[in-house]
Amino acid sequence: MSMTKLAFPLLLTFAVTFSAAGQKNKKFYDTLGNETTFESHWSMVVGGRYKSTSDRKTNAKILVRTTDKEFKEELQKTEKRVTKKEKVGTQFPDFIMTDVDGDTIKLKDLIGKVVVINFWFIGCSPCEMERPELNGLAQLYQTNGDVVFLSFAKNSAAQLQSFLVDHPFKFKPIPTGDGEIKNRFGVDSYPVTVVVDRNGKYSFYASATGIGISYILKREIDLALSR
């Protein structure tokens, strides 16, 4: 993923991509017409550069370039649909967690930094669609010590270690039970991505993913850094 031109992505409605969750039996193609994976194909759509269209004769999904007009229209729809303002300005729940490598992560140790947290689980189709875009986002800030990327997954450490061999995620993975994610953090649907400001408070909350999510998150991270 190239994030250097993130300010000018091209979008299509997320309704199209979300319907892809039940389409893993289809063949998927990349921008060059080569067969690719479900995750790779849909990440191009979530990134906003292409739309996915069906070839009825071959039961395949192919990518078609989108337009600036579609970007401007669909970015507004995506942001309106995923953004939840109720928690903005409230304190993010305190936590002391152990990541997949056995290291302890404490919220109090992250005060003064901007923290981006993704809630997901193995087998979540929308999570798969957005993962390459989120990896690109994390890579953008990899030299910025003021930004930390975490992911709370409702899977065991062993499951995550096995899964991440073939599906790397640049957000630090933290195995977290489904009950704890729901009871402690109030998350009962996936994926959810939040930005926590330097004071440990929510500054952005996305209740789902969508086309252009990395663009929206980058803007929110930069806003939190500037405060």
C-alpha atoms as a PDB file:
ATOM      1  CA  MET A   1       0.000   0.000   0.000  1.00  0.00           C
ATOM      2  CA  SER A   2       1.236   3.451  -0.872  1.00  0.00           C
ATOM      3  CA  MET A   3       0.096   5.964   1.710  1.00  0.00           C
ATOM      4  CA  THR A   4       2.016   8.937   0.313  1.00  0.00           C
ATOM      5  CA  LYS A   5      -1.026   9.989  -1.728  1.00  0.00           C
ATOM      6  CA  LEU A   6      -3.534   9.123   0.969  1.00  0.00           C
ATOM      7  CA  ALA A   7      -5.107  12.563   0.836  1.00  0.00           C
ATOM      8  CA  PHE A   8      -6.519  11.751  -2.609  1.00  0.00           C
ATOM      9  CA  PRO A   9      -8.014   8.239  -2.447  1.00  0.00           C
ATOM     10  CA  LEU A  10     -10.805   7.113  -4.761  1.00  0.00           C
ATOM     11  CA  LEU A  11     -13.832   5.457  -3.231  1.00  0.00           C
ATOM     12  CA  LEU A  12     -16.932   3.365  -3.837  1.00  0.00           C
ATOM     13  CA  THR A  13     -19.787   2.550  -1.489  1.00  0.00           C
ATOM     14  CA  PHE A  14     -18.875   0.284   1.409  1.00  0.00           C
ATOM     15  CA  ALA A  15     -22.129  -1.611   0.951  1.00  0.00           C
ATOM     16  CA  VAL A  16     -20.473  -3.307  -1.999  1.00  0.00           C
ATOM     17  CA  THR A  17     -17.389  -4.366  -0.031  1.00  0.00           C
ATOM     18  CA  PHE A  18     -19.323  -5.463   3.045  1.00  0.00           C
ATOM     19  CA  SER A  19     -21.395  -7.839   0.917  1.00  0.00           C
ATOM     20  CA  ALA A  20     -18.130  -9.560   0.025  1.00  0.00           C
ATOM     21  CA  ALA A  21     -18.044 -11.318   3.394  1.00  0.00           C
ATOM     22  CA  GLY A  22     -20.015 -14.244   1.957  1.00  0.00           C
ATOM     23  CA  GLN A  23     -18.224 -14.401  -1.377  1.00  0.00           C
ATOM     24  CA  LYS A  24     -15.000 -16.228  -0.556  1.00  0.00           C
ATOM     25  CA  ASN A  25     -15.913 -19.003  -2.988  1.00  0.00           C
ATOM     26  CA  LYS A  26     -15.390 -16.633  -5.918  1.00  0.00           C
ATOM     27  CA  LYS A  27     -12.148 -16.018  -7.773  1.00  0.00           C
ATOM     28  CA  PHE A  28     -10.495 -12.675  -7.083  1.00  0.00           C
ATOM     29  CA  TYR A  29      -8.196 -10.724  -9.389  1.00  0.00           C
ATOM     30  CA  ASP A  30      -5.759  -7.868  -8.894  1.00  0.00           C
ATOM     31  CA  THR A  31      -5.315  -4.713 -10.962  1.00  0.00           C
ATOM     32  CA  LEU A  32      -3.191  -6.579 -13.521  1.00  0.00           C
ATOM     33  CA  GLY A  33      -5.750  -9.309 -14.037  1.00  0.00           C
ATOM     34  CA  ASN A  34      -3.860 -11.922 -12.026  1.00  0.00           C
ATOM     35  CA  GLU A  35      -5.689 -14.159  -9.584  1.00  0.00           C
ATOM     36  CA  THR A  36      -5.159 -13.023  -5.998  1.00  0.00           C
ATOM     37  CA  THR A  37      -6.551 -13.499  -2.488  1.00  0.00           C
ATOM     38  CA  PHE A  38      -9.824 -12.298  -0.992  1.00  0.00           C
ATOM     39  CA  GLU A  39      -7.892 -10.036   1.395  1.00  0.00           C
ATOM     40  CA  SER A  40      -5.648  -8.518  -1.250  1.00  0.00           C
ATOM     41  CA  HIS A  41      -8.506  -7.870  -3.679  1.00  0.00           C
ATOM     42  CA  TRP A  42     -10.786  -6.184  -1.165  1.00  0.00           C
ATOM     43  CA  SER A  43      -7.980  -4.196   0.446  1.00  0.00           C
ATOM     44  CA  MET A  44      -7.638  -2.344  -2.856  1.00  0.00           C
ATOM     45  CA  VAL A  45     -11.325  -1.414  -2.627  1.00  0.00           C
ATOM     46  CA  VAL A  46     -11.161  -0.414   1.052  1.00  0.00           C
ATOM     47  CA  GLY A  47      -8.123   1.681   0.181  1.00  0.00           C
ATOM     48  CA  GLY A  48     -10.307   3.673  -2.189  1.00  0.00           C
ATOM     49  CA  ARG A  49      -8.406   3.207  -5.419  1.00  0.00           C
ATOM     50  CA  TYR A  50     -10.667   0.665  -7.107  1.00  0.00           C
ATOM     51  CA  LYS A  51     -14.159  -0.771  -7.100  1.00  0.00           C
ATOM     52  CA  SER A  52     -14.929  -4.473  -7.276  1.00  0.00           C
ATOM     53  CA  THR A  53     -17.179  -5.673 -10.089  1.00  0.00           C
ATOM     54  CA  SER A  54     -18.508  -9.123 -10.957  1.00  0.00           C
ATOM     55  CA  ASP A  55     -17.829 -11.113 -14.086  1.00  0.00           C
ATOM     56  CA  ARG A  56     -20.920 -13.332 -14.250  1.00  0.00           C
ATOM     57  CA  LYS A  57     -19.456 -15.669 -16.850  1.00  0.00           C
ATOM     58  CA  THR A  58     -16.486 -16.658 -14.696  1.00  0.00           C
ATOM     59  CA  ASN A  59     -17.959 -16.000 -11.216  1.00  0.00           C
ATOM     60  CA  ALA A  60     -14.978 -13.738 -10.602  1.00  0.00           C
ATOM     61  CA  LYS A  61     -14.412 -10.361  -8.972  1.00  0.00           C
ATOM     62  CA  ILE A  62     -12.288  -7.869 -10.889  1.00  0.00           C
ATOM     63  CA  LEU A  63     -11.030  -4.380 -10.061  1.00  0.00           C
ATOM     64  CA  VAL A  64     -11.973  -1.210 -11.934  1.00  0.00           C
ATOM     65  CA  ARG A  65     -10.474   2.223 -11.291  1.00  0.00           C
ATOM     66  CA  THR A  66     -12.826   4.713  -9.641  1.00  0.00           C
ATOM     67  CA  THR A  67     -13.170   8.463 -10.046  1.00  0.00           C
ATOM     68  CA  ASP A  68     -12.546  11.587  -7.969  1.00  0.00           C
ATOM     69  CA  LYS A  69     -16.269  12.254  -7.899  1.00  0.00           C
ATOM     70  CA  GLU A  70     -16.918   8.837  -6.361  1.00  0.00           C
ATOM     71  CA  PHE A  71     -14.232   9.550  -3.774  1.00  0.00           C
ATOM     72  CA  LYS A  72     -15.782  12.831  -2.649  1.00  0.00           C
ATOM     73  CA  GLU A  73     -19.263  11.358  -2.420  1.00  0.00           C
ATOM     74  CA  GLU A  74     -18.386   8.069  -0.779  1.00  0.00           C
ATOM     75  CA  LEU A  75     -15.888   9.394   1.748  1.00  0.00           C
ATOM     76  CA  GLN A  76     -18.678  11.461   3.284  1.00  0.00           C
ATOM     77  CA  LYS A  77     -20.942   8.408   3.421  1.00  0.00           C
ATOM     78  CA  THR A  78     -18.257   6.237   4.969  1.00  0.00           C
ATOM     79  CA  GLU A  79     -17.396   8.755   7.661  1.00  0.00           C
ATOM     80  CA  LYS A  80     -21.035   9.339   8.526  1.00  0.00           C
ATOM     81  CA  ARG A  81     -21.683   5.619   8.814  1.00  0.00           C
ATOM     82  CA  VAL A  82     -18.688   4.556  10.917  1.00  0.00           C
ATOM     83  CA  THR A  83     -18.062   7.547  13.183  1.00  0.00           C
ATOM     84  CA  LYS A  84     -19.516   7.391  16.693  1.00  0.00           C
ATOM     85  CA  LYS A  85     -19.202  10.626  18.677  1.00  0.00           C
ATOM     86  CA  GLU A  86     -20.738   9.496  21.965  1.00  0.00           C
ATOM     87  CA  LYS A  87     -17.436   8.425  23.556  1.00  0.00           C
ATOM     88  CA  VAL A  88     -15.247  11.216  22.216  1.00  0.00           C
ATOM     89  CA  GLY A  89     -13.760  13.150  25.126  1.00  0.00           C
ATOM     90  CA  THR A  90     -14.408  10.370  27.659  1.00  0.00           C
ATOM     91  CA  GLN A  91     -11.686   8.347  29.344  1.00  0.00           C
ATOM     92  CA  PHE A  92     -10.538   5.171  27.634  1.00  0.00           C
ATOM     93  CA  PRO A  93     -10.875   2.215  30.064  1.00  0.00           C
ATOM     94  CA  ASP A  94      -7.730   1.545  32.057  1.00  0.00           C
ATOM     95  CA  PHE A  95      -5.961  -1.724  31.279  1.00  0.00           C
ATOM     96  CA  ILE A  96      -2.921  -3.851  32.007  1.00  0.00           C
ATOM     97  CA  MET A  97      -2.613  -6.472  29.262  1.00  0.00           C
ATOM     98  CA  THR A  98      -0.068  -8.997  28.016  1.00  0.00           C
ATOM     99  CA  ASP A  99       0.739  -8.951  24.307  1.00  0.00           C
ATOM    100  CA  VAL A 100       1.353 -11.979  22.082  1.00  0.00           C
ATOM    101  CA  ASP A 101       5.086 -11.889  22.920  1.00  0.00           C
ATOM    102  CA  GLY A 102       4.457 -11.897  26.673  1.00  0.00           C
ATOM    103  CA  ASP A 103       5.223  -8.214  27.234  1.00  0.00           C
ATOM    104  CA  THR A 104       3.055  -6.166  29.595  1.00  0.00           C
ATOM    105  CA  ILE A 105       1.192  -3.192  28.126  1.00  0.00           C
ATOM    106  CA  LYS A 106      -0.246  -0.589  30.509  1.00  0.00           C
ATOM    107  CA  LEU A 107      -2.430   2.336  29.537  1.00  0.00           C
ATOM    108  CA  LYS A 108      -0.776   4.555  32.158  1.00  0.00           C
ATOM    109  CA  ASP A 109       2.575   4.004  30.424  1.00  0.00           C
ATOM    110  CA  LEU A 110       1.090   5.333  27.176  1.00  0.00           C
ATOM    111  CA  ILE A 111      -0.099   8.661  28.554  1.00  0.00           C
ATOM    112  CA  GLY A 112       1.529  11.409  26.483  1.00  0.00           C
ATOM    113  CA  LYS A 113       1.302   9.347  23.292  1.00  0.00           C
ATOM    114  CA  VAL A 114      -1.426   8.929  20.686  1.00  0.00           C
ATOM    115  CA  VAL A 115      -2.670   5.333  20.750  1.00  0.00           C
ATOM    116  CA  VAL A 116      -4.526   3.693  17.863  1.00  0.00           C
ATOM    117  CA  ILE A 117      -6.397   0.525  18.870  1.00  0.00           C
ATOM    118  CA  ASN A 118      -8.077  -1.976  16.568  1.00  0.00           C
ATOM    119  CA  PHE A 119     -10.519  -4.616  17.870  1.00  0.00           C
ATOM    120  CA  TRP A 120     -10.749  -7.706  15.635  1.00  0.00           C
ATOM    121  CA  PHE A 121     -10.721 -11.496  15.492  1.00  0.00           C
ATOM    122  CA  ILE A 122      -9.455 -14.257  13.228  1.00  0.00           C
ATOM    123  CA  GLY A 123     -12.055 -15.062  10.562  1.00  0.00           C
ATOM    124  CA  CYS A 124     -13.658 -11.595  10.563  1.00  0.00           C
ATOM    125  CA  SER A 125     -14.069 -10.768   6.854  1.00  0.00           C
ATOM    126  CA  PRO A 126     -14.237  -6.945   7.233  1.00  0.00           C
ATOM    127  CA  CYS A 127     -11.124  -7.193   9.432  1.00  0.00           C
ATOM    128  CA  GLU A 128      -9.342  -9.010   6.611  1.00  0.00           C
ATOM    129  CA  MET A 129     -10.429  -6.356   4.109  1.00  0.00           C
ATOM    130  CA  GLU A 130      -8.953  -3.499   6.117  1.00  0.00           C
ATOM    131  CA  ARG A 131      -5.792  -5.167   7.457  1.00  0.00           C
ATOM    132  CA  PRO A 132      -3.453  -4.234   4.558  1.00  0.00           C
ATOM    133  CA  GLU A 133      -4.601  -0.606   4.784  1.00  0.00           C
ATOM    134  CA  LEU A 134      -4.040  -0.570   8.542  1.00  0.00           C
ATOM    135  CA  ASN A 135      -0.592  -2.066   8.045  1.00  0.00           C
ATOM    136  CA  GLY A 136       0.223   0.743   5.638  1.00  0.00           C
ATOM    137  CA  LEU A 137      -1.016   3.283   8.156  1.00  0.00           C
ATOM    138  CA  ALA A 138       1.181   1.832  10.918  1.00  0.00           C
ATOM    139  CA  GLN A 139       4.155   1.841   8.578  1.00  0.00           C
ATOM    140  CA  LEU A 140       3.651   5.555   7.929  1.00  0.00           C
ATOM    141  CA  TYR A 141       4.242   6.307  11.625  1.00  0.00           C
ATOM    142  CA  GLN A 142       6.837   3.613  12.349  1.00  0.00           C
ATOM    143  CA  THR A 143       9.538   6.193  13.119  1.00  0.00           C
ATOM    144  CA  ASN A 144       7.219   8.403  15.185  1.00  0.00           C
ATOM    145  CA  GLY A 145       7.608   7.475  18.838  1.00  0.00           C
ATOM    146  CA  ASP A 146       4.527   9.491  19.762  1.00  0.00           C
ATOM    147  CA  VAL A 147       2.147   7.053  18.029  1.00  0.00           C
ATOM    148  CA  VAL A 148       1.458   3.518  19.275  1.00  0.00           C
ATOM    149  CA  PHE A 149      -0.583   0.897  17.403  1.00  0.00           C
ATOM    150  CA  LEU A 150      -2.290  -1.887  19.387  1.00  0.00           C
ATOM    151  CA  SER A 151      -4.800  -4.552  18.464  1.00  0.00           C
ATOM    152  CA  PHE A 152      -7.088  -6.399  20.853  1.00  0.00           C
ATOM    153  CA  ALA A 153      -8.112  -9.753  19.360  1.00  0.00           C
ATOM    154  CA  LYS A 154     -10.616 -12.164  20.870  1.00  0.00           C
ATOM    155  CA  ASN A 155      -8.246 -15.063  20.199  1.00  0.00           C
ATOM    156  CA  SER A 156      -5.652 -16.894  22.266  1.00  0.00           C
ATOM    157  CA  ALA A 157      -1.944 -16.127  22.055  1.00  0.00           C
ATOM    158  CA  ALA A 158      -1.314 -19.487  20.368  1.00  0.00           C
ATOM    159  CA  GLN A 159      -4.000 -18.839  17.752  1.00  0.00           C
ATOM    160  CA  LEU A 160      -2.612 -15.386  17.019  1.00  0.00           C
ATOM    161  CA  GLN A 161       0.981 -16.576  16.777  1.00  0.00           C
ATOM    162  CA  SER A 162      -0.032 -19.192  14.221  1.00  0.00           C
ATOM    163  CA  PHE A 163      -2.275 -16.853  12.228  1.00  0.00           C
ATOM    164  CA  LEU A 164       0.169 -13.951  12.095  1.00  0.00           C
ATOM    165  CA  VAL A 165       2.872 -16.048  10.409  1.00  0.00           C
ATOM    166  CA  ASP A 166       0.972 -15.789   7.112  1.00  0.00           C
ATOM    167  CA  HIS A 167      -1.126 -12.701   7.928  1.00  0.00           C
ATOM    168  CA  PRO A 168       1.171 -10.118   9.573  1.00  0.00           C
ATOM    169  CA  PHE A 169      -0.445  -7.246  11.442  1.00  0.00           C
ATOM    170  CA  LYS A 170       1.687  -4.200  12.311  1.00  0.00           C
ATOM    171  CA  PHE A 171      -0.605  -3.270  15.224  1.00  0.00           C
ATOM    172  CA  LYS A 172       0.849  -4.989  18.330  1.00  0.00           C
ATOM    173  CA  PRO A 173      -1.450  -8.003  18.887  1.00  0.00           C
ATOM    174  CA  ILE A 174      -2.921  -8.507  22.359  1.00  0.00           C
ATOM    175  CA  PRO A 175      -4.953 -11.699  22.966  1.00  0.00           C
ATOM    176  CA  THR A 176      -8.141 -10.679  24.748  1.00  0.00           C
ATOM    177  CA  GLY A 177     -11.215 -12.752  25.535  1.00  0.00           C
ATOM    178  CA  ASP A 178     -14.467 -11.798  23.835  1.00  0.00           C
ATOM    179  CA  GLY A 179     -16.098 -11.244  27.222  1.00  0.00           C
ATOM    180  CA  GLU A 180     -13.395  -8.849  28.354  1.00  0.00           C
ATOM    181  CA  ILE A 181     -13.519  -6.899  25.100  1.00  0.00           C
ATOM    182  CA  LYS A 182     -17.258  -6.489  25.546  1.00  0.00           C
ATOM    183  CA  ASN A 183     -17.333  -5.873  29.301  1.00  0.00           C
ATOM    184  CA  ARG A 184     -14.225  -3.703  29.678  1.00  0.00           C
ATOM    185  CA  PHE A 185     -14.223  -1.821  26.380  1.00  0.00           C
ATOM    186  CA  GLY A 186     -17.902  -2.004  25.383  1.00  0.00           C
ATOM    187  CA  VAL A 187     -17.121  -3.543  21.984  1.00  0.00           C
ATOM    188  CA  ASP A 188     -19.561  -6.191  20.754  1.00  0.00           C
ATOM    189  CA  SER A 189     -19.121  -5.940  16.972  1.00  0.00           C
ATOM    190  CA  TYR A 190     -16.028  -6.015  14.803  1.00  0.00           C
ATOM    191  CA  PRO A 191     -13.904  -4.366  13.619  1.00  0.00           C
ATOM    192  CA  VAL A 192     -13.731  -1.258  15.774  1.00  0.00           C
ATOM    193  CA  THR A 193     -10.840   1.227  15.633  1.00  0.00           C
ATOM    194  CA  VAL A 194     -10.313   4.043  18.110  1.00  0.00           C
ATOM    195  CA  VAL A 195      -7.803   6.844  18.524  1.00  0.00           C
ATOM    196  CA  VAL A 196      -6.870   7.678  22.121  1.00  0.00           C
ATOM    197  CA  ASP A 197      -5.320  11.089  22.745  1.00  0.00           C
ATOM    198  CA  ARG A 198      -2.287  12.012  24.845  1.00  0.00           C
ATOM    199  CA  ASN A 199      -4.476  12.287  27.952  1.00  0.00           C
ATOM    200  CA  GLY A 200      -5.919   8.802  27.616  1.00  0.00           C
ATOM    201  CA  LYS A 201      -9.269   9.947  26.248  1.00  0.00           C
ATOM    202  CA  TYR A 202     -11.138   8.887  23.128  1.00  0.00           C
ATOM    203  CA  SER A 203     -10.563  11.350  20.296  1.00  0.00           C
ATOM    204  CA  PHE A 204     -12.086   9.178  17.549  1.00  0.00           C
ATOM    205  CA  TYR A 205     -14.248   6.053  17.434  1.00  0.00           C
ATOM    206  CA  ALA A 206     -15.052   4.051  14.277  1.00  0.00           C
ATOM    207  CA  SER A 207     -17.708   1.377  14.844  1.00  0.00           C
ATOM    208  CA  ALA A 208     -16.900  -0.480  11.613  1.00  0.00           C
ATOM    209  CA  THR A 209     -14.569  -0.325   8.658  1.00  0.00           C
ATOM    210  CA  GLY A 210     -15.207   1.133   5.247  1.00  0.00           C
ATOM    211  CA  ILE A 211     -13.723   2.485   2.087  1.00  0.00           C
ATOM    212  CA  GLY A 212     -11.256   5.203   2.979  1.00  0.00           C
ATOM    213  CA  ILE A 213     -10.897   4.162   6.633  1.00  0.00           C
ATOM    214  CA  SER A 214      -7.111   4.642   6.505  1.00  0.00           C
ATOM    215  CA  TYR A 215      -7.584   8.174   5.152  1.00  0.00           C
ATOM    216  CA  ILE A 216      -9.969   9.023   7.989  1.00  0.00           C
ATOM    217  CA  LEU A 217      -7.710   7.487  10.631  1.00  0.00           C
ATOM    218  CA  LYS A 218      -4.635   9.315   9.357  1.00  0.00           C
ATOM    219  CA  ARG A 219      -6.446  12.617   9.640  1.00  0.00           C
ATOM    220  CA  GLU A 220      -7.569  11.804  13.202  1.00  0.00           C
ATOM    221  CA  ILE A 221      -4.089  10.683  14.262  1.00  0.00           C
ATOM    222  CA  ASP A 222      -2.572  13.894  12.951  1.00  0.00           C
ATOM    223  CA  LEU A 223      -5.231  15.944  14.753  1.00  0.00           C
ATOM    224  CA  ALA A 224      -4.487  14.153  18.019  1.00  0.00           C
ATOM    225  CA  LEU A 225      -0.742  14.716  17.533  1.00  0.00           C
ATOM    226  CA  SER A 226      -1.271  18.419  17.025  1.00  0.00           C
ATOM    227  CA  ARG A 227      -3.074  18.938  20.333  1.00  0.00           C
END
